[in-house]
Amino acid sequence: MTINRKFFFDHARLGLFDGKMSSSQVSGITVILDKWGQEMPTADDRWLAYMFATAHHETGRTMQPVRETFASTDAQAIKILDKAFAAGKLPWVSSPYWRPDAQGISWLGRGLVQLTHKANYVKMAALTDPNLATNPSLAMNMATAADIMFQGMIRGSFTGKKLSDFFSGAKEQWREARKIINGLEKADLVASYGKQYYACISYTV
């Protein structure tokens, strides 16, 4: 399937970006579209729609890799996370994984899907860039971040749930697909994004 990019951008701009897109938003979306066209041209296009929805939500619709808390530096992100942890605002966190290890490396969330914890970086390094295992900041590179998102969501590397569990043949579970990333956190919201992106994708050439 060849996506009609003019239709895609025209409708995404209106429906998902309040009528205006920045050059960085267009650039990020283009990287994802190019990757899909090159690597997954015959796959279920609902997968692409839901990956777009996930990136849209996880990056605050910047469509570029971000750090956890949307901080501009690791040090700032660590400070914000430490403050929230001390105030009891992160009850699901048992150990502050963002604090630098013995090598001074922080394994805080980064990318299009907020990859966290050293074990997860090492897992994704085996599927994407081997250097991620020692340099997690590479997840801030758009091409690497897109690769992590594709591999993790298609293979089920993040939570054990994968795109084909929710989109296959007549099966279409937009809400439940959030389990690929983070349980049912904001599941209805992300589902709404997914359906809008799917409408943008569905008009082919």
N, C-alpha and C. Protein backbone atom coordinates (compact mmCIF):
# COMPACT_ATOMS: atom_id res chain seq x y z
N MET A 1 0.83 -1.19 0.00
CA MET A 1 0.00 0.00 0.00
C MET A 1 0.87 1.25 0.00
N THR A 2 0.57 2.19 -0.88
CA THR A 2 1.27 3.46 -0.91
C THR A 2 0.38 4.53 -0.27
N ILE A 3 0.87 5.15 0.76
CA ILE A 3 0.10 6.16 1.48
C ILE A 3 0.11 7.48 0.71
N ASN A 4 -1.04 8.08 0.57
CA ASN A 4 -1.15 9.39 -0.06
C ASN A 4 -0.70 10.43 0.97
N ARG A 5 0.51 10.88 0.84
CA ARG A 5 1.09 11.74 1.89
C ARG A 5 0.44 13.12 1.95
N LYS A 6 0.02 13.64 0.84
CA LYS A 6 -0.65 14.94 0.87
C LYS A 6 -1.95 14.83 1.68
N PHE A 7 -2.73 13.80 1.39
CA PHE A 7 -3.95 13.57 2.14
C PHE A 7 -3.63 13.35 3.61
N PHE A 8 -2.61 12.53 3.87
CA PHE A 8 -2.22 12.23 5.25
C PHE A 8 -1.90 13.51 6.02
N PHE A 9 -0.99 14.31 5.49
CA PHE A 9 -0.57 15.50 6.22
C PHE A 9 -1.68 16.54 6.32
N ASP A 10 -2.45 16.70 5.24
CA ASP A 10 -3.55 17.67 5.29
C ASP A 10 -4.54 17.32 6.40
N HIS A 11 -4.89 16.05 6.50
CA HIS A 11 -5.90 15.65 7.48
C HIS A 11 -5.32 15.50 8.89
N ALA A 12 -4.07 15.06 8.99
CA ALA A 12 -3.44 14.97 10.31
C ALA A 12 -3.26 16.37 10.89
N ARG A 13 -2.88 17.30 10.05
CA ARG A 13 -2.67 18.68 10.52
C ARG A 13 -3.97 19.24 11.11
N LEU A 14 -5.06 19.02 10.43
CA LEU A 14 -6.34 19.55 10.88
C LEU A 14 -6.89 18.80 12.10
N GLY A 15 -6.84 17.48 12.03
CA GLY A 15 -7.48 16.67 13.07
C GLY A 15 -6.66 16.42 14.31
N LEU A 16 -5.32 16.46 14.19
CA LEU A 16 -4.47 16.05 15.30
C LEU A 16 -3.49 17.13 15.78
N PHE A 17 -3.33 18.19 14.99
CA PHE A 17 -2.34 19.21 15.34
C PHE A 17 -2.93 20.64 15.29
N ASP A 18 -4.23 20.73 15.49
CA ASP A 18 -4.88 22.04 15.58
C ASP A 18 -4.62 22.94 14.38
N GLY A 19 -4.47 22.33 13.22
CA GLY A 19 -4.34 23.12 12.00
C GLY A 19 -2.95 23.56 11.63
N LYS A 20 -1.96 23.25 12.48
CA LYS A 20 -0.59 23.71 12.18
C LYS A 20 0.43 22.69 12.66
N MET A 21 1.41 22.40 11.80
CA MET A 21 2.49 21.47 12.16
C MET A 21 3.84 22.18 12.03
N SER A 22 4.72 21.92 12.98
CA SER A 22 6.07 22.47 12.90
C SER A 22 6.91 21.61 11.96
N SER A 23 8.05 22.13 11.57
CA SER A 23 8.94 21.36 10.69
C SER A 23 9.45 20.10 11.39
N SER A 24 9.64 20.17 12.71
CA SER A 24 10.13 18.99 13.44
C SER A 24 9.04 17.92 13.55
N GLN A 25 7.79 18.33 13.65
CA GLN A 25 6.69 17.36 13.65
C GLN A 25 6.59 16.66 12.30
N VAL A 26 6.67 17.45 11.23
CA VAL A 26 6.63 16.88 9.88
C VAL A 26 7.81 15.94 9.66
N SER A 27 8.99 16.36 10.14
CA SER A 27 10.19 15.54 9.97
C SER A 27 10.07 14.21 10.70
N GLY A 28 9.58 14.24 11.94
CA GLY A 28 9.43 13.00 12.71
C GLY A 28 8.44 12.06 12.07
N ILE A 29 7.31 12.58 11.63
CA ILE A 29 6.30 11.76 10.98
C ILE A 29 6.85 11.16 9.69
N THR A 30 7.63 11.96 8.95
CA THR A 30 8.20 11.48 7.69
C THR A 30 9.15 10.32 7.90
N VAL A 31 9.95 10.39 8.97
CA VAL A 31 10.85 9.27 9.28
C VAL A 31 10.05 7.98 9.50
N ILE A 32 8.96 8.09 10.23
CA ILE A 32 8.13 6.91 10.51
C ILE A 32 7.46 6.40 9.24
N LEU A 33 6.93 7.31 8.42
CA LEU A 33 6.32 6.91 7.16
C LEU A 33 7.33 6.24 6.23
N ASP A 34 8.53 6.81 6.16
CA ASP A 34 9.57 6.23 5.30
C ASP A 34 9.96 4.83 5.77
N LYS A 35 10.11 4.69 7.07
CA LYS A 35 10.50 3.39 7.63
C LYS A 35 9.43 2.34 7.33
N TRP A 36 8.18 2.73 7.52
CA TRP A 36 7.07 1.80 7.23
C TRP A 36 7.08 1.41 5.76
N GLY A 37 7.22 2.38 4.89
CA GLY A 37 7.20 2.11 3.45
C GLY A 37 8.34 1.23 2.99
N GLN A 38 9.49 1.38 3.64
CA GLN A 38 10.66 0.60 3.26
C GLN A 38 10.66 -0.80 3.86
N GLU A 39 10.17 -0.92 5.09
CA GLU A 39 10.31 -2.18 5.81
C GLU A 39 9.01 -2.97 5.98
N MET A 40 7.86 -2.29 5.96
CA MET A 40 6.60 -2.96 6.28
C MET A 40 5.49 -2.64 5.27
N PRO A 41 5.77 -2.55 4.00
CA PRO A 41 4.77 -2.06 3.04
C PRO A 41 3.52 -2.92 2.91
N THR A 42 3.59 -4.19 3.27
CA THR A 42 2.42 -5.06 3.14
C THR A 42 1.79 -5.41 4.49
N ALA A 43 2.30 -4.83 5.57
CA ALA A 43 1.76 -5.13 6.90
C ALA A 43 0.43 -4.40 7.12
N ASP A 44 -0.26 -4.77 8.16
CA ASP A 44 -1.55 -4.19 8.52
C ASP A 44 -1.38 -2.71 8.83
N ASP A 45 -2.04 -1.83 8.06
CA ASP A 45 -1.82 -0.40 8.27
C ASP A 45 -2.39 0.13 9.57
N ARG A 46 -3.19 -0.68 10.27
CA ARG A 46 -3.63 -0.28 11.61
C ARG A 46 -2.46 -0.31 12.58
N TRP A 47 -1.46 -1.14 12.30
CA TRP A 47 -0.25 -1.13 13.13
C TRP A 47 0.42 0.23 13.06
N LEU A 48 0.56 0.74 11.85
CA LEU A 48 1.19 2.05 11.68
C LEU A 48 0.38 3.13 12.38
N ALA A 49 -0.93 3.08 12.23
CA ALA A 49 -1.80 4.08 12.87
C ALA A 49 -1.62 4.06 14.38
N TYR A 50 -1.51 2.86 14.96
CA TYR A 50 -1.38 2.80 16.41
C TYR A 50 0.02 3.19 16.87
N MET A 51 1.03 2.93 16.06
CA MET A 51 2.37 3.41 16.40
C MET A 51 2.40 4.93 16.36
N PHE A 52 1.76 5.53 15.36
CA PHE A 52 1.67 6.98 15.33
C PHE A 52 0.95 7.51 16.57
N ALA A 53 -0.14 6.85 16.94
CA ALA A 53 -0.90 7.28 18.11
C ALA A 53 -0.05 7.21 19.37
N THR A 54 0.73 6.16 19.48
CA THR A 54 1.61 6.00 20.65
C THR A 54 2.66 7.10 20.70
N ALA A 55 3.32 7.35 19.57
CA ALA A 55 4.32 8.41 19.52
C ALA A 55 3.69 9.77 19.81
N HIS A 56 2.51 9.98 19.27
CA HIS A 56 1.77 11.24 19.49
C HIS A 56 1.56 11.48 20.98
N HIS A 57 1.14 10.45 21.69
CA HIS A 57 0.88 10.56 23.12
C HIS A 57 2.16 10.65 23.94
N GLU A 58 3.07 9.74 23.69
CA GLU A 58 4.27 9.63 24.52
C GLU A 58 5.21 10.83 24.37
N THR A 59 5.19 11.49 23.21
CA THR A 59 6.09 12.62 22.99
C THR A 59 5.39 13.97 23.17
N GLY A 60 4.14 13.96 23.65
CA GLY A 60 3.41 15.21 23.77
C GLY A 60 3.18 15.85 22.41
N ARG A 61 2.96 15.00 21.44
CA ARG A 61 2.73 15.28 20.02
C ARG A 61 3.84 16.08 19.35
N THR A 62 5.05 16.03 19.92
CA THR A 62 6.20 16.64 19.24
C THR A 62 6.63 15.79 18.06
N MET A 63 6.35 14.48 18.13
CA MET A 63 6.73 13.50 17.11
C MET A 63 8.25 13.41 16.97
N GLN A 64 8.93 13.75 18.05
CA GLN A 64 10.38 13.63 18.16
C GLN A 64 10.70 12.94 19.47
N PRO A 65 11.83 12.24 19.54
CA PRO A 65 12.20 11.59 20.81
C PRO A 65 12.28 12.60 21.95
N VAL A 66 11.79 12.21 23.10
CA VAL A 66 11.84 13.09 24.27
C VAL A 66 12.36 12.32 25.48
N ARG A 67 12.83 13.06 26.46
CA ARG A 67 13.19 12.47 27.75
C ARG A 67 11.95 12.41 28.64
N GLU A 68 11.97 11.48 29.54
CA GLU A 68 10.93 11.41 30.57
C GLU A 68 10.84 12.76 31.27
N THR A 69 9.64 13.22 31.52
CA THR A 69 9.30 14.53 32.10
C THR A 69 9.42 15.66 31.07
N PHE A 70 9.85 15.34 29.85
CA PHE A 70 10.03 16.33 28.78
C PHE A 70 11.14 17.33 29.09
N ALA A 71 12.05 16.96 29.98
CA ALA A 71 13.18 17.82 30.32
C ALA A 71 14.14 17.92 29.14
N SER A 72 14.88 19.02 29.09
CA SER A 72 15.82 19.23 27.99
C SER A 72 17.17 18.56 28.22
N THR A 73 17.45 18.16 29.47
CA THR A 73 18.71 17.47 29.78
C THR A 73 18.43 16.31 30.74
N ASP A 74 19.37 15.37 30.79
CA ASP A 74 19.24 14.26 31.74
C ASP A 74 19.22 14.79 33.17
N ALA A 75 20.11 15.74 33.47
CA ALA A 75 20.21 16.27 34.83
C ALA A 75 18.90 16.90 35.28
N GLN A 76 18.26 17.62 34.39
CA GLN A 76 16.98 18.24 34.73
C GLN A 76 15.91 17.18 34.94
N ALA A 77 15.90 16.16 34.08
CA ALA A 77 14.91 15.08 34.22
C ALA A 77 15.10 14.34 35.55
N ILE A 78 16.35 14.07 35.91
CA ILE A 78 16.64 13.38 37.17
C ILE A 78 16.16 14.20 38.35
N LYS A 79 16.39 15.51 38.30
CA LYS A 79 15.96 16.40 39.38
C LYS A 79 14.43 16.38 39.53
N ILE A 80 13.73 16.43 38.41
CA ILE A 80 12.26 16.43 38.44
C ILE A 80 11.74 15.09 38.98
N LEU A 81 12.33 13.99 38.52
CA LEU A 81 11.90 12.67 38.97
C LEU A 81 12.21 12.45 40.45
N ASP A 82 13.36 12.91 40.89
CA ASP A 82 13.72 12.78 42.31
C ASP A 82 12.72 13.53 43.19
N LYS A 83 12.36 14.72 42.76
CA LYS A 83 11.41 15.54 43.53
C LYS A 83 10.04 14.85 43.60
N ALA A 84 9.59 14.32 42.48
CA ALA A 84 8.30 13.63 42.44
C ALA A 84 8.33 12.37 43.29
N PHE A 85 9.43 11.64 43.24
CA PHE A 85 9.58 10.40 44.01
C PHE A 85 9.55 10.69 45.51
N ALA A 86 10.29 11.73 45.90
CA ALA A 86 10.35 12.11 47.32
C ALA A 86 8.99 12.56 47.84
N ALA A 87 8.18 13.12 46.96
CA ALA A 87 6.85 13.60 47.35
C ALA A 87 5.79 12.50 47.29
N GLY A 88 6.22 11.28 46.94
CA GLY A 88 5.29 10.16 46.87
C GLY A 88 4.37 10.18 45.66
N LYS A 89 4.78 10.91 44.63
CA LYS A 89 3.94 11.03 43.43
C LYS A 89 4.19 9.94 42.39
N LEU A 90 5.12 9.03 42.70
CA LEU A 90 5.40 7.93 41.78
C LEU A 90 5.24 6.60 42.53
N PRO A 91 4.04 6.29 43.00
CA PRO A 91 3.83 5.11 43.84
C PRO A 91 4.14 3.79 43.17
N TRP A 92 4.15 3.78 41.84
CA TRP A 92 4.44 2.55 41.10
C TRP A 92 5.94 2.28 40.99
N VAL A 93 6.76 3.22 41.41
CA VAL A 93 8.21 3.07 41.33
C VAL A 93 8.76 2.58 42.66
N SER A 94 9.39 1.41 42.65
CA SER A 94 9.96 0.86 43.89
C SER A 94 11.42 1.28 44.06
N SER A 95 12.09 1.52 42.94
CA SER A 95 13.50 1.92 42.98
C SER A 95 13.72 3.00 41.94
N PRO A 96 14.36 4.10 42.30
CA PRO A 96 14.55 5.22 41.36
C PRO A 96 15.56 4.89 40.25
N TYR A 97 15.06 4.26 39.21
CA TYR A 97 15.88 3.75 38.11
C TYR A 97 16.60 4.86 37.34
N TRP A 98 16.16 6.10 37.50
CA TRP A 98 16.73 7.20 36.73
C TRP A 98 18.05 7.71 37.29
N ARG A 99 18.33 7.35 38.55
CA ARG A 99 19.57 7.84 39.16
C ARG A 99 20.78 7.21 38.49
N PRO A 100 21.83 8.01 38.24
CA PRO A 100 23.02 7.50 37.56
C PRO A 100 23.62 6.28 38.26
N ASP A 101 24.07 5.31 37.46
CA ASP A 101 24.69 4.12 38.02
C ASP A 101 26.17 4.38 38.31
N ALA A 102 26.91 3.33 38.61
CA ALA A 102 28.32 3.49 38.98
C ALA A 102 29.15 4.11 37.86
N GLN A 103 28.67 3.95 36.63
CA GLN A 103 29.37 4.54 35.49
C GLN A 103 28.86 5.95 35.15
N GLY A 104 27.92 6.42 35.96
CA GLY A 104 27.38 7.75 35.74
C GLY A 104 26.30 7.82 34.67
N ILE A 105 25.75 6.66 34.32
CA ILE A 105 24.74 6.59 33.25
C ILE A 105 23.35 6.52 33.85
N SER A 106 22.45 7.35 33.34
CA SER A 106 21.05 7.31 33.77
C SER A 106 20.23 6.52 32.76
N TRP A 107 19.39 5.62 33.27
CA TRP A 107 18.55 4.78 32.41
C TRP A 107 17.10 5.25 32.47
N LEU A 108 16.94 6.57 32.49
CA LEU A 108 15.60 7.15 32.50
C LEU A 108 14.92 6.97 31.14
N GLY A 109 13.64 7.33 31.08
CA GLY A 109 12.88 7.15 29.85
C GLY A 109 13.32 8.08 28.73
N ARG A 110 13.45 7.52 27.54
CA ARG A 110 13.82 8.31 26.36
C ARG A 110 13.16 7.71 25.13
N GLY A 111 13.03 8.55 24.10
CA GLY A 111 12.58 8.05 22.81
C GLY A 111 11.16 8.43 22.45
N LEU A 112 10.60 7.66 21.53
CA LEU A 112 9.22 7.85 21.11
C LEU A 112 8.26 7.07 21.99
N VAL A 113 8.80 6.10 22.74
CA VAL A 113 7.97 5.24 23.59
C VAL A 113 8.47 5.16 25.03
N GLN A 114 9.38 6.07 25.40
CA GLN A 114 9.85 6.14 26.79
C GLN A 114 10.44 4.82 27.29
N LEU A 115 11.52 4.41 26.66
CA LEU A 115 12.25 3.22 27.09
C LEU A 115 12.93 3.52 28.43
N THR A 116 12.70 2.68 29.44
CA THR A 116 13.28 2.89 30.77
C THR A 116 13.96 1.61 31.26
N HIS A 117 14.85 1.76 32.25
CA HIS A 117 15.57 0.67 32.92
C HIS A 117 16.66 0.06 32.01
N LYS A 118 17.80 -0.20 32.62
CA LYS A 118 18.94 -0.72 31.88
C LYS A 118 18.59 -2.02 31.16
N ALA A 119 17.88 -2.92 31.83
CA ALA A 119 17.56 -4.21 31.21
C ALA A 119 16.80 -4.04 29.91
N ASN A 120 15.92 -3.04 29.86
CA ASN A 120 15.15 -2.80 28.64
C ASN A 120 16.00 -2.18 27.54
N TYR A 121 16.92 -1.32 27.92
CA TYR A 121 17.84 -0.76 26.92
C TYR A 121 18.70 -1.88 26.33
N VAL A 122 19.18 -2.77 27.18
CA VAL A 122 20.01 -3.88 26.71
C VAL A 122 19.20 -4.79 25.78
N LYS A 123 17.95 -5.05 26.15
CA LYS A 123 17.08 -5.88 25.31
C LYS A 123 16.89 -5.26 23.93
N MET A 124 16.62 -3.96 23.90
CA MET A 124 16.40 -3.30 22.62
C MET A 124 17.69 -3.10 21.84
N ALA A 125 18.81 -3.04 22.54
CA ALA A 125 20.10 -2.95 21.85
C ALA A 125 20.33 -4.17 20.98
N ALA A 126 19.88 -5.32 21.45
CA ALA A 126 20.05 -6.56 20.68
C ALA A 126 19.21 -6.57 19.41
N LEU A 127 18.15 -5.74 19.39
CA LEU A 127 17.26 -5.70 18.23
C LEU A 127 17.49 -4.48 17.34
N THR A 128 18.16 -3.46 17.88
CA THR A 128 18.35 -2.23 17.12
C THR A 128 19.83 -1.86 17.06
N ASP A 129 20.23 -0.87 17.83
CA ASP A 129 21.62 -0.41 17.86
C ASP A 129 22.34 -1.01 19.06
N PRO A 130 23.34 -1.85 18.85
CA PRO A 130 24.06 -2.48 19.96
C PRO A 130 24.63 -1.48 20.96
N ASN A 131 24.91 -0.28 20.52
CA ASN A 131 25.50 0.72 21.39
C ASN A 131 24.54 1.25 22.45
N LEU A 132 23.24 0.97 22.28
CA LEU A 132 22.26 1.38 23.30
C LEU A 132 22.56 0.76 24.66
N ALA A 133 23.20 -0.38 24.65
CA ALA A 133 23.49 -1.10 25.90
C ALA A 133 24.47 -0.34 26.79
N THR A 134 25.22 0.57 26.20
CA THR A 134 26.18 1.36 26.98
C THR A 134 25.94 2.86 26.87
N ASN A 135 25.13 3.26 25.89
CA ASN A 135 24.86 4.68 25.67
C ASN A 135 23.37 4.89 25.41
N PRO A 136 22.56 4.92 26.48
CA PRO A 136 21.11 5.05 26.31
C PRO A 136 20.67 6.34 25.65
N SER A 137 21.53 7.35 25.64
CA SER A 137 21.17 8.62 25.01
C SER A 137 20.93 8.47 23.51
N LEU A 138 21.38 7.37 22.94
CA LEU A 138 21.14 7.13 21.51
C LEU A 138 19.65 6.99 21.21
N ALA A 139 18.85 6.71 22.23
CA ALA A 139 17.39 6.62 22.04
C ALA A 139 16.79 7.98 21.73
N MET A 140 17.58 9.04 21.86
CA MET A 140 17.12 10.38 21.51
C MET A 140 17.35 10.68 20.03
N ASN A 141 18.00 9.76 19.33
CA ASN A 141 18.17 9.89 17.89
C ASN A 141 16.89 9.41 17.20
N MET A 142 16.34 10.18 16.28
CA MET A 142 15.04 9.86 15.70
C MET A 142 15.03 8.50 15.00
N ALA A 143 16.06 8.20 14.23
CA ALA A 143 16.08 6.92 13.52
C ALA A 143 16.13 5.75 14.49
N THR A 144 16.94 5.88 15.53
CA THR A 144 17.04 4.84 16.54
C THR A 144 15.74 4.71 17.32
N ALA A 145 15.16 5.86 17.68
CA ALA A 145 13.90 5.84 18.43
C ALA A 145 12.79 5.18 17.62
N ALA A 146 12.74 5.45 16.32
CA ALA A 146 11.73 4.82 15.47
C ALA A 146 11.97 3.32 15.38
N ASP A 147 13.22 2.91 15.29
CA ASP A 147 13.55 1.49 15.25
C ASP A 147 13.12 0.80 16.53
N ILE A 148 13.37 1.44 17.67
CA ILE A 148 12.95 0.88 18.96
C ILE A 148 11.44 0.72 19.00
N MET A 149 10.71 1.75 18.56
CA MET A 149 9.25 1.68 18.57
C MET A 149 8.75 0.56 17.67
N PHE A 150 9.26 0.48 16.45
CA PHE A 150 8.82 -0.56 15.52
C PHE A 150 9.10 -1.95 16.09
N GLN A 151 10.34 -2.18 16.50
CA GLN A 151 10.73 -3.51 16.99
C GLN A 151 9.95 -3.87 18.26
N GLY A 152 9.86 -2.93 19.18
CA GLY A 152 9.21 -3.21 20.45
C GLY A 152 7.73 -3.48 20.32
N MET A 153 7.05 -2.70 19.48
CA MET A 153 5.61 -2.86 19.35
C MET A 153 5.22 -4.02 18.45
N ILE A 154 6.03 -4.29 17.45
CA ILE A 154 5.73 -5.41 16.55
C ILE A 154 6.08 -6.75 17.20
N ARG A 155 7.17 -6.80 17.95
CA ARG A 155 7.61 -8.03 18.59
C ARG A 155 7.00 -8.26 19.97
N GLY A 156 6.49 -7.20 20.58
CA GLY A 156 5.97 -7.32 21.94
C GLY A 156 7.06 -7.26 22.98
N SER A 157 8.13 -6.56 22.68
CA SER A 157 9.30 -6.52 23.56
C SER A 157 9.09 -5.69 24.82
N PHE A 158 8.15 -4.77 24.83
CA PHE A 158 7.97 -3.88 25.98
C PHE A 158 7.21 -4.53 27.13
N THR A 159 6.08 -5.14 26.81
CA THR A 159 5.22 -5.72 27.86
C THR A 159 4.82 -7.16 27.59
N GLY A 160 5.26 -7.71 26.46
CA GLY A 160 4.83 -9.05 26.07
C GLY A 160 3.63 -9.01 25.12
N LYS A 161 2.99 -7.85 25.01
CA LYS A 161 1.87 -7.66 24.08
C LYS A 161 2.38 -7.00 22.81
N LYS A 162 1.86 -7.44 21.66
CA LYS A 162 2.31 -6.89 20.38
C LYS A 162 1.14 -6.47 19.51
N LEU A 163 1.44 -5.73 18.46
CA LEU A 163 0.40 -5.18 17.60
C LEU A 163 -0.53 -6.24 17.03
N SER A 164 0.01 -7.37 16.63
CA SER A 164 -0.83 -8.40 16.03
C SER A 164 -1.80 -9.03 17.03
N ASP A 165 -1.57 -8.81 18.31
CA ASP A 165 -2.52 -9.31 19.32
C ASP A 165 -3.84 -8.53 19.27
N PHE A 166 -3.78 -7.32 18.74
CA PHE A 166 -4.95 -6.43 18.78
C PHE A 166 -5.48 -6.03 17.41
N PHE A 167 -4.61 -6.17 16.40
CA PHE A 167 -5.02 -5.83 15.03
C PHE A 167 -4.61 -6.97 14.10
N SER A 168 -5.58 -7.75 13.69
CA SER A 168 -5.31 -8.89 12.82
C SER A 168 -6.61 -9.35 12.19
N GLY A 169 -6.68 -9.31 10.86
CA GLY A 169 -7.92 -9.69 10.20
C GLY A 169 -9.07 -8.80 10.66
N ALA A 170 -10.14 -9.43 11.12
CA ALA A 170 -11.30 -8.68 11.60
C ALA A 170 -11.11 -8.14 13.01
N LYS A 171 -10.06 -8.58 13.68
CA LYS A 171 -9.82 -8.15 15.05
C LYS A 171 -9.27 -6.73 15.07
N GLU A 172 -9.91 -5.86 15.83
CA GLU A 172 -9.51 -4.46 15.90
C GLU A 172 -9.83 -3.93 17.30
N GLN A 173 -8.80 -3.85 18.14
CA GLN A 173 -8.99 -3.45 19.53
C GLN A 173 -8.12 -2.24 19.85
N TRP A 174 -8.63 -1.08 19.51
CA TRP A 174 -7.86 0.15 19.68
C TRP A 174 -7.58 0.46 21.15
N ARG A 175 -8.55 0.26 22.00
CA ARG A 175 -8.37 0.58 23.42
C ARG A 175 -7.39 -0.39 24.08
N GLU A 176 -7.62 -1.68 23.87
CA GLU A 176 -6.81 -2.71 24.52
C GLU A 176 -5.35 -2.69 24.03
N ALA A 177 -5.12 -2.14 22.85
CA ALA A 177 -3.76 -2.10 22.30
C ALA A 177 -2.81 -1.28 23.16
N ARG A 178 -3.34 -0.47 24.04
CA ARG A 178 -2.48 0.31 24.95
C ARG A 178 -1.63 -0.60 25.82
N LYS A 179 -2.07 -1.84 26.00
CA LYS A 179 -1.33 -2.80 26.81
C LYS A 179 0.05 -3.11 26.22
N ILE A 180 0.27 -2.76 24.98
CA ILE A 180 1.58 -2.94 24.35
C ILE A 180 2.62 -2.07 25.05
N ILE A 181 2.14 -0.94 25.61
CA ILE A 181 3.05 0.04 26.22
C ILE A 181 2.88 0.15 27.72
N ASN A 182 1.64 0.39 28.18
CA ASN A 182 1.47 0.73 29.60
C ASN A 182 0.07 0.42 30.10
N GLY A 183 -0.28 -0.84 30.18
CA GLY A 183 -1.59 -1.22 30.69
C GLY A 183 -2.71 -0.54 29.94
N LEU A 184 -3.65 0.05 30.69
CA LEU A 184 -4.73 0.80 30.05
C LEU A 184 -4.64 2.29 30.39
N GLU A 185 -3.44 2.74 30.74
CA GLU A 185 -3.21 4.16 31.05
C GLU A 185 -3.53 4.99 29.81
N LYS A 186 -4.47 5.93 29.94
CA LYS A 186 -4.89 6.80 28.84
C LYS A 186 -5.29 6.01 27.59
N ALA A 187 -5.83 4.82 27.79
CA ALA A 187 -6.13 3.93 26.67
C ALA A 187 -7.15 4.51 25.71
N ASP A 188 -8.19 5.14 26.23
CA ASP A 188 -9.22 5.71 25.35
C ASP A 188 -8.67 6.88 24.55
N LEU A 189 -7.85 7.69 25.18
CA LEU A 189 -7.26 8.84 24.49
C LEU A 189 -6.36 8.38 23.35
N VAL A 190 -5.47 7.42 23.64
CA VAL A 190 -4.55 6.93 22.61
C VAL A 190 -5.34 6.23 21.50
N ALA A 191 -6.39 5.52 21.87
CA ALA A 191 -7.24 4.88 20.86
C ALA A 191 -7.84 5.92 19.92
N SER A 192 -8.26 7.05 20.48
CA SER A 192 -8.84 8.10 19.64
C SER A 192 -7.82 8.64 18.66
N TYR A 193 -6.58 8.78 19.10
CA TYR A 193 -5.52 9.21 18.19
C TYR A 193 -5.32 8.17 17.09
N GLY A 194 -5.31 6.90 17.49
CA GLY A 194 -5.09 5.83 16.53
C GLY A 194 -6.13 5.82 15.42
N LYS A 195 -7.37 6.00 15.79
CA LYS A 195 -8.45 6.01 14.80
C LYS A 195 -8.32 7.19 13.85
N GLN A 196 -7.88 8.33 14.39
CA GLN A 196 -7.69 9.51 13.53
C GLN A 196 -6.52 9.31 12.57
N TYR A 197 -5.44 8.73 13.08
CA TYR A 197 -4.31 8.45 12.19
C TYR A 197 -4.69 7.42 11.13
N TYR A 198 -5.48 6.45 11.52
CA TYR A 198 -5.91 5.43 10.56
C TYR A 198 -6.73 6.06 9.44
N ALA A 199 -7.58 7.02 9.78
CA ALA A 199 -8.35 7.71 8.76
C ALA A 199 -7.43 8.47 7.80
N CYS A 200 -6.33 9.00 8.31
CA CYS A 200 -5.37 9.71 7.47
C CYS A 200 -4.60 8.75 6.55
N ILE A 201 -4.35 7.56 7.05
CA ILE A 201 -3.59 6.55 6.30
C ILE A 201 -4.44 5.85 5.25
N SER A 202 -5.71 5.68 5.54
CA SER A 202 -6.57 4.81 4.73
C SER A 202 -6.80 5.29 3.30
N TYR A 203 -6.60 6.58 3.05
CA TYR A 203 -6.77 7.10 1.70
C TYR A 203 -5.48 6.85 0.95
N THR A 204 -5.47 5.85 0.09
CA THR A 204 -4.24 5.43 -0.59
C THR A 204 -4.19 5.97 -2.02
N VAL A 205 -3.03 5.77 -2.66
CA VAL A 205 -2.87 6.17 -4.06
C VAL A 205 -2.75 4.93 -4.94
